[in-house]
PDB file of N, CA and C in Angstrom:
ATOM      1  N   MET A   1     115.593  75.934 102.204  1.00  0.00           N
ATOM      2  CA  MET A   1     114.597  75.931 101.249  1.00  0.00           C
ATOM      3  C   MET A   1     114.695  77.138 100.272  1.00  0.00           C
ATOM      4  N   SER A   2     115.727  78.137 100.724  1.00  0.00           N
ATOM      5  CA  SER A   2     115.527  79.465 100.081  1.00  0.00           C
ATOM      6  C   SER A   2     116.472  79.007  98.844  1.00  0.00           C
ATOM      7  N   HIS A   3     117.734  78.570  98.899  1.00  0.00           N
ATOM      8  CA  HIS A   3     118.473  77.944  98.440  1.00  0.00           C
ATOM      9  C   HIS A   3     118.185  77.048  97.320  1.00  0.00           C
ATOM     10  N   GLN A   4     117.063  76.341  97.511  1.00  0.00           N
ATOM     11  CA  GLN A   4     116.182  75.880  96.633  1.00  0.00           C
ATOM     12  C   GLN A   4     115.231  76.505  95.615  1.00  0.00           C
ATOM     13  N   LEU A   5     114.358  77.244  96.092  1.00  0.00           N
ATOM     14  CA  LEU A   5     113.773  78.576  95.507  1.00  0.00           C
ATOM     15  C   LEU A   5     114.946  79.283  94.650  1.00  0.00           C
ATOM     16  N   THR A   6     115.963  79.840  94.935  1.00  0.00           N
ATOM     17  CA  THR A   6     116.832  80.474  94.080  1.00  0.00           C
ATOM     18  C   THR A   6     117.112  79.264  92.880  1.00  0.00           C
ATOM     19  N   PHE A   7     117.792  78.084  93.109  1.00  0.00           N
ATOM     20  CA  PHE A   7     118.022  77.361  92.257  1.00  0.00           C
ATOM     21  C   PHE A   7     116.434  77.189  91.004  1.00  0.00           C
ATOM     22  N   ALA A   8     115.753  77.240  91.805  1.00  0.00           N
ATOM     23  CA  ALA A   8     114.711  76.757  90.793  1.00  0.00           C
ATOM     24  C   ALA A   8     114.465  78.213  90.063  1.00  0.00           C
ATOM     25  N   ASP A   9     114.149  79.137  90.518  1.00  0.00           N
ATOM     26  CA  ASP A   9     114.299  80.684  89.789  1.00  0.00           C
ATOM     27  C   ASP A   9     115.028  80.312  88.591  1.00  0.00           C
ATOM     28  N   SER A  10     116.808  79.934  88.985  1.00  0.00           N
ATOM     29  CA  SER A  10     117.296  80.435  87.999  1.00  0.00           C
ATOM     30  C   SER A  10     117.144  79.289  86.769  1.00  0.00           C
ATOM     31  N   GLU A  11     116.757  78.186  87.073  1.00  0.00           N
ATOM     32  CA  GLU A  11     116.670  77.096  85.782  1.00  0.00           C
ATOM     33  C   GLU A  11     115.375  77.697  85.270  1.00  0.00           C
ATOM     34  N   PHE A  12     114.568  78.194  85.840  1.00  0.00           N
ATOM     35  CA  PHE A  12     113.241  78.624  85.256  1.00  0.00           C
ATOM     36  C   PHE A  12     113.521  79.672  84.046  1.00  0.00           C
ATOM     37  N   SER A  13     114.094  80.288  84.508  1.00  0.00           N
ATOM     38  CA  SER A  13     114.621  81.455  84.035  1.00  0.00           C
ATOM     39  C   SER A  13     115.718  81.166  82.667  1.00  0.00           C
ATOM     40  N   THR A  14     116.548  80.481  83.003  1.00  0.00           N
ATOM     41  CA  THR A  14     117.556  79.754  81.501  1.00  0.00           C
ATOM     42  C   THR A  14     116.513  79.318  80.988  1.00  0.00           C
ATOM     43  N   LYS A  15     115.779  78.216  81.441  1.00  0.00           N
ATOM     44  CA  LYS A  15     114.669  77.553  80.932  1.00  0.00           C
ATOM     45  C   LYS A  15     113.802  78.417  79.708  1.00  0.00           C
ATOM     46  N   ARG A  16     112.636  79.499  80.474  1.00  0.00           N
ATOM     47  CA  ARG A  16     112.427  80.013  79.336  1.00  0.00           C
ATOM     48  C   ARG A  16     113.185  81.278  78.510  1.00  0.00           C
ATOM     49  N   ARG A  17     114.466  81.623  78.979  1.00  0.00           N
ATOM     50  CA  ARG A  17     115.679  81.864  77.844  1.00  0.00           C
ATOM     51  C   ARG A  17     115.396  81.176  76.681  1.00  0.00           C
ATOM     52  N   GLN A  18     115.607  79.922  77.199  1.00  0.00           N
ATOM     53  CA  GLN A  18     115.949  79.011  75.891  1.00  0.00           C
ATOM     54  C   GLN A  18     114.510  78.861  75.141  1.00  0.00           C
ATOM     55  N   THR A  19     113.866  79.301  75.747  1.00  0.00           N
ATOM     56  CA  THR A  19     112.287  78.622  75.074  1.00  0.00           C
ATOM     57  C   THR A  19     112.190  79.547  73.879  1.00  0.00           C
ATOM     58  N   ARG A  20     112.063  80.623  75.179  1.00  0.00           N
ATOM     59  CA  ARG A  20     112.278  82.330  73.859  1.00  0.00           C
ATOM     60  C   ARG A  20     113.352  81.935  72.569  1.00  0.00           C
ATOM     61  N   LYS A  21     114.318  81.802  72.874  1.00  0.00           N
ATOM     62  CA  LYS A  21     115.346  81.485  71.641  1.00  0.00           C
ATOM     63  C   LYS A  21     114.812  80.636  70.538  1.00  0.00           C
ATOM     64  N   GLU A  22     114.170  79.640  71.064  1.00  0.00           N
ATOM     65  CA  GLU A  22     113.756  78.523  70.099  1.00  0.00           C
ATOM     66  C   GLU A  22     112.398  79.027  69.418  1.00  0.00           C
ATOM     67  N   ILE A  23     111.606  79.554  70.021  1.00  0.00           N
ATOM     68  CA  ILE A  23     110.566  80.496  69.627  1.00  0.00           C
ATOM     69  C   ILE A  23     111.149  81.253  68.603  1.00  0.00           C
ATOM     70  N   PHE A  24     112.207  82.326  69.107  1.00  0.00           N
ATOM     71  CA  PHE A  24     112.697  83.273  67.602  1.00  0.00           C
ATOM     72  C   PHE A  24     113.119  82.721  66.796  1.00  0.00           C
ATOM     73  N   LEU A  25     113.750  81.479  66.776  1.00  0.00           N
ATOM     74  CA  LEU A  25     114.474  80.455  65.400  1.00  0.00           C
ATOM     75  C   LEU A  25     113.364  80.220  64.939  1.00  0.00           C
ATOM     76  N   SER A  26     112.210  79.647  65.591  1.00  0.00           N
ATOM     77  CA  SER A  26     111.108  78.969  64.964  1.00  0.00           C
ATOM     78  C   SER A  26     110.436  80.075  63.887  1.00  0.00           C
TER      79      SER A  26
END
């Protein structure tokens, strides 16, 4: 479960970074 949480956290962090980049681009 801990591993899954880490994976979700990593994915969330990447997604948030991508979203921030999109907002900056817009």
